[in-house]
């Protein structure tokens, strides 16, 4: 493949030049399971999905405030 070749993005199908394309590869035990060639916009979407899906479900440690007998207790 040459540096100025245009191949389609695996996600949206738009042609993307090699210089702008990003390749995302999924490997398990050194065996390639999947490979996707992405344009810059689709790569940004992929990064956003990856970050949101890999975040823990719980909120960061924040104090718990509860009211007991009219007093507020902060744990």
N, C-alpha and C. Protein backbone atom coordinates (compact mmCIF):
# COMPACT_ATOMS: atom_id res chain seq x y z
N UNK A 1 0.84 -1.17 0.00
CA UNK A 1 0.00 0.00 0.00
C UNK A 1 0.89 1.24 0.00
N UNK A 2 0.56 2.23 -0.78
CA UNK A 2 1.36 3.44 -0.85
C UNK A 2 0.88 4.43 0.18
N UNK A 3 1.70 5.44 0.45
CA UNK A 3 1.36 6.43 1.47
C UNK A 3 0.16 7.28 1.11
N UNK A 4 -0.12 7.45 -0.19
CA UNK A 4 -1.22 8.32 -0.56
C UNK A 4 -2.45 7.53 -0.99
N UNK A 5 -2.47 6.25 -0.75
CA UNK A 5 -3.62 5.42 -1.12
C UNK A 5 -4.81 5.75 -0.24
N UNK A 6 -5.99 5.70 -0.84
CA UNK A 6 -7.21 5.92 -0.08
C UNK A 6 -7.94 4.59 0.04
N UNK A 7 -8.22 4.18 1.24
CA UNK A 7 -9.01 2.99 1.51
C UNK A 7 -10.14 3.41 2.41
N UNK A 8 -11.25 2.68 2.40
CA UNK A 8 -12.39 3.09 3.21
C UNK A 8 -12.19 2.87 4.71
N UNK A 9 -12.84 3.71 5.48
CA UNK A 9 -12.92 3.57 6.94
C UNK A 9 -13.79 2.34 7.21
N UNK A 10 -13.39 1.51 8.14
CA UNK A 10 -14.15 0.30 8.47
C UNK A 10 -15.50 0.63 9.11
N UNK A 11 -15.63 1.83 9.68
CA UNK A 11 -16.87 2.19 10.37
C UNK A 11 -17.85 2.94 9.46
N UNK A 12 -17.40 4.05 8.85
CA UNK A 12 -18.32 4.87 8.06
C UNK A 12 -18.22 4.62 6.55
N UNK A 13 -17.13 3.99 6.10
CA UNK A 13 -16.99 3.68 4.69
C UNK A 13 -16.39 4.77 3.83
N UNK A 14 -16.11 5.94 4.43
CA UNK A 14 -15.50 7.04 3.68
C UNK A 14 -14.04 6.71 3.38
N UNK A 15 -13.56 7.13 2.20
CA UNK A 15 -12.15 6.96 1.89
C UNK A 15 -11.30 7.80 2.83
N UNK A 16 -10.17 7.25 3.25
CA UNK A 16 -9.27 7.98 4.15
C UNK A 16 -7.84 7.69 3.73
N UNK A 17 -7.04 8.74 3.59
CA UNK A 17 -5.64 8.60 3.21
C UNK A 17 -4.86 7.94 4.34
N UNK A 18 -3.83 7.19 4.00
CA UNK A 18 -3.01 6.50 4.99
C UNK A 18 -2.50 7.45 6.08
N UNK A 19 -2.11 8.65 5.68
CA UNK A 19 -1.54 9.59 6.66
C UNK A 19 -2.55 9.97 7.74
N UNK A 20 -3.85 9.87 7.45
CA UNK A 20 -4.88 10.24 8.42
C UNK A 20 -5.51 9.04 9.11
N UNK A 21 -5.34 7.87 8.56
CA UNK A 21 -6.01 6.68 9.08
C UNK A 21 -5.36 6.20 10.38
N UNK A 22 -6.17 5.58 11.22
CA UNK A 22 -5.71 4.93 12.44
C UNK A 22 -6.20 3.50 12.40
N UNK A 23 -5.39 2.57 12.86
CA UNK A 23 -5.78 1.17 12.88
C UNK A 23 -5.91 0.72 14.32
N UNK A 24 -7.05 0.13 14.63
CA UNK A 24 -7.32 -0.41 15.95
C UNK A 24 -7.29 -1.93 15.81
N UNK A 25 -6.44 -2.57 16.59
CA UNK A 25 -6.30 -4.02 16.54
C UNK A 25 -6.65 -4.63 17.89
N UNK A 26 -7.40 -5.72 17.85
CA UNK A 26 -7.73 -6.47 19.06
C UNK A 26 -7.01 -7.80 18.96
N UNK A 27 -6.15 -8.07 19.94
CA UNK A 27 -5.40 -9.32 19.98
C UNK A 27 -5.59 -10.00 21.32
N UNK A 28 -5.68 -11.31 21.28
CA UNK A 28 -5.77 -12.12 22.49
C UNK A 28 -4.69 -13.18 22.39
N UNK A 29 -3.82 -13.24 23.38
CA UNK A 29 -2.71 -14.19 23.38
C UNK A 29 -1.93 -14.13 22.07
N UNK A 30 -1.65 -12.93 21.63
CA UNK A 30 -0.89 -12.63 20.42
C UNK A 30 -1.58 -13.01 19.12
N UNK A 31 -2.82 -13.48 19.18
CA UNK A 31 -3.57 -13.80 17.97
C UNK A 31 -4.50 -12.63 17.66
N UNK A 32 -4.42 -12.08 16.44
CA UNK A 32 -5.26 -10.95 16.08
C UNK A 32 -6.70 -11.41 15.89
N UNK A 33 -7.61 -10.82 16.64
CA UNK A 33 -9.02 -11.15 16.59
C UNK A 33 -9.75 -10.23 15.62
N UNK A 34 -9.38 -8.94 15.64
CA UNK A 34 -10.06 -7.96 14.80
C UNK A 34 -9.10 -6.82 14.50
N UNK A 35 -9.29 -6.19 13.35
CA UNK A 35 -8.51 -5.03 12.97
C UNK A 35 -9.43 -4.09 12.21
N UNK A 36 -9.44 -2.82 12.61
CA UNK A 36 -10.29 -1.83 11.95
C UNK A 36 -9.46 -0.63 11.53
N UNK A 37 -9.66 -0.18 10.31
CA UNK A 37 -9.03 1.03 9.79
C UNK A 37 -10.06 2.14 9.93
N UNK A 38 -9.70 3.19 10.68
CA UNK A 38 -10.67 4.24 11.00
C UNK A 38 -10.20 5.61 10.55
N UNK A 39 -11.15 6.42 10.07
CA UNK A 39 -10.87 7.82 9.76
C UNK A 39 -10.74 8.57 11.09
N UNK A 40 -10.23 9.79 11.08
CA UNK A 40 -10.05 10.53 12.34
C UNK A 40 -11.34 10.69 13.15
N UNK A 41 -12.46 10.97 12.50
CA UNK A 41 -13.72 11.17 13.24
C UNK A 41 -14.18 9.87 13.89
N UNK A 42 -14.12 8.76 13.15
CA UNK A 42 -14.54 7.47 13.71
C UNK A 42 -13.58 7.01 14.80
N UNK A 43 -12.29 7.32 14.65
CA UNK A 43 -11.32 6.97 15.68
C UNK A 43 -11.63 7.74 16.96
N UNK A 44 -11.98 9.03 16.84
CA UNK A 44 -12.33 9.83 18.02
C UNK A 44 -13.57 9.24 18.70
N UNK A 45 -14.56 8.81 17.91
CA UNK A 45 -15.75 8.17 18.49
C UNK A 45 -15.37 6.87 19.19
N UNK A 46 -14.48 6.10 18.58
CA UNK A 46 -14.05 4.82 19.18
C UNK A 46 -13.36 5.08 20.51
N UNK A 47 -12.48 6.08 20.56
CA UNK A 47 -11.79 6.43 21.81
C UNK A 47 -12.80 6.83 22.88
N UNK A 48 -13.78 7.64 22.51
CA UNK A 48 -14.82 8.06 23.46
C UNK A 48 -15.60 6.88 24.01
N UNK A 49 -16.00 5.95 23.13
CA UNK A 49 -16.72 4.75 23.59
C UNK A 49 -15.84 3.90 24.49
N UNK A 50 -14.58 3.73 24.10
CA UNK A 50 -13.65 2.93 24.90
C UNK A 50 -13.51 3.52 26.31
N UNK A 51 -13.29 4.83 26.39
CA UNK A 51 -13.12 5.48 27.69
C UNK A 51 -14.38 5.35 28.53
N UNK A 52 -15.57 5.58 27.94
CA UNK A 52 -16.80 5.52 28.74
C UNK A 52 -17.12 4.09 29.16
N UNK A 53 -16.84 3.10 28.32
CA UNK A 53 -17.14 1.72 28.67
C UNK A 53 -16.14 1.15 29.66
N UNK A 54 -14.94 1.68 29.70
CA UNK A 54 -13.92 1.16 30.60
C UNK A 54 -13.92 1.86 31.96
N UNK A 55 -14.71 2.90 32.13
CA UNK A 55 -14.81 3.58 33.41
C UNK A 55 -15.60 2.72 34.38
N UNK A 56 -15.25 2.76 35.66
CA UNK A 56 -16.05 2.01 36.64
C UNK A 56 -17.46 2.60 36.72
N UNK A 57 -18.42 1.74 37.07
CA UNK A 57 -19.82 2.16 37.15
C UNK A 57 -20.08 3.10 38.31
N UNK A 58 -19.30 2.99 39.37
CA UNK A 58 -19.55 3.80 40.56
C UNK A 58 -18.88 5.17 40.42
N UNK A 59 -19.41 6.10 41.15
CA UNK A 59 -18.84 7.44 41.21
C UNK A 59 -17.54 7.40 42.00
N UNK A 60 -16.67 8.36 41.78
CA UNK A 60 -15.47 8.43 42.61
C UNK A 60 -15.85 8.59 44.07
N UNK A 61 -14.94 8.21 44.95
CA UNK A 61 -15.22 8.29 46.38
C UNK A 61 -15.66 9.69 46.76
N UNK A 62 -16.89 9.79 47.21
CA UNK A 62 -17.43 11.06 47.68
C UNK A 62 -18.01 10.80 49.07
N UNK A 63 -17.97 11.81 49.91
CA UNK A 63 -18.50 11.61 51.26
C UNK A 63 -19.99 11.30 51.22
N UNK A 64 -20.40 10.43 52.12
CA UNK A 64 -21.81 10.07 52.25
C UNK A 64 -22.36 10.88 53.41
N UNK A 65 -23.43 11.62 53.13
CA UNK A 65 -24.06 12.45 54.15
C UNK A 65 -25.41 11.85 54.47
N UNK A 66 -25.64 11.59 55.74
CA UNK A 66 -26.94 11.08 56.15
C UNK A 66 -27.40 11.84 57.39
N UNK A 67 -28.71 11.91 57.52
CA UNK A 67 -29.28 12.63 58.67
C UNK A 67 -29.77 11.62 59.69
N UNK A 68 -29.31 11.78 60.93
CA UNK A 68 -29.73 10.92 62.03
C UNK A 68 -30.16 11.79 63.18
N UNK A 69 -31.43 11.67 63.56
CA UNK A 69 -31.97 12.45 64.68
C UNK A 69 -31.69 13.95 64.52
N UNK A 70 -31.86 14.47 63.33
CA UNK A 70 -31.68 15.90 63.10
C UNK A 70 -30.24 16.31 62.94
N UNK A 71 -29.30 15.40 63.05
CA UNK A 71 -27.89 15.73 62.85
C UNK A 71 -27.41 15.13 61.53
N UNK A 72 -26.54 15.84 60.88
CA UNK A 72 -25.98 15.35 59.63
C UNK A 72 -24.64 14.68 59.91
N UNK A 73 -24.52 13.45 59.45
CA UNK A 73 -23.29 12.69 59.66
C UNK A 73 -22.63 12.50 58.29
N UNK A 74 -21.34 12.85 58.26
CA UNK A 74 -20.57 12.71 57.02
C UNK A 74 -19.59 11.57 57.20
N UNK A 75 -19.70 10.57 56.35
CA UNK A 75 -18.77 9.43 56.39
C UNK A 75 -17.71 9.61 55.33
